[in-house]
Amino acid sequence: MVDHVLALAATWLDWDGTPARVDDRVYTPHKAIRRVADHLIDHLAELEARLAGETPQPDHWHASAITTEADLAPFTRQDLDEARSRLTRLARIWANRLDALTDDQLDHSPGDGWSFRELAQHLEGSTYYADAVGEPR
């Protein structure tokens, strides 16, 4: 998933500044990266809380419902470098955490909600945000 997002992000250096309208939301390169990272962090916090026997804290992010001024900024090579570092590290944390779990823990996870395997599969859908921006035309 992260490889796909970063491959698209590499094309956003030519983004013309026009937000993409998808469904009832607007997306920009920065917003797509923010949403992918937030999604990975949010569900990692859920997984860790459930493993610790805690109730996951609800997030208070506005998610895709808002577009910040920062979301509208041009997407530069430095932004791409930052996104690469951020997302590849988050992906590695996820991979390490999932690799440390048994099949039983993956499929019969503690707490309420999806199994951890289902949670990881759900994260594959985070490509939605990058796909919403797409490649510049």
Foldseek 3Di string as FASTA:
>chain_A
DLVLLLVLLVQQLPPPLDWFQDDNFTAANVLLLVLLLCLLVQVVQCQVQQVVVHHRDDDDDPRRVDQDPVRRDRQHPVNSVVSVVRVVVSVVVLVVVVVPDDPCQQCVPGDDDHRVVVSVVVSVVSCVRSVSRGHDD
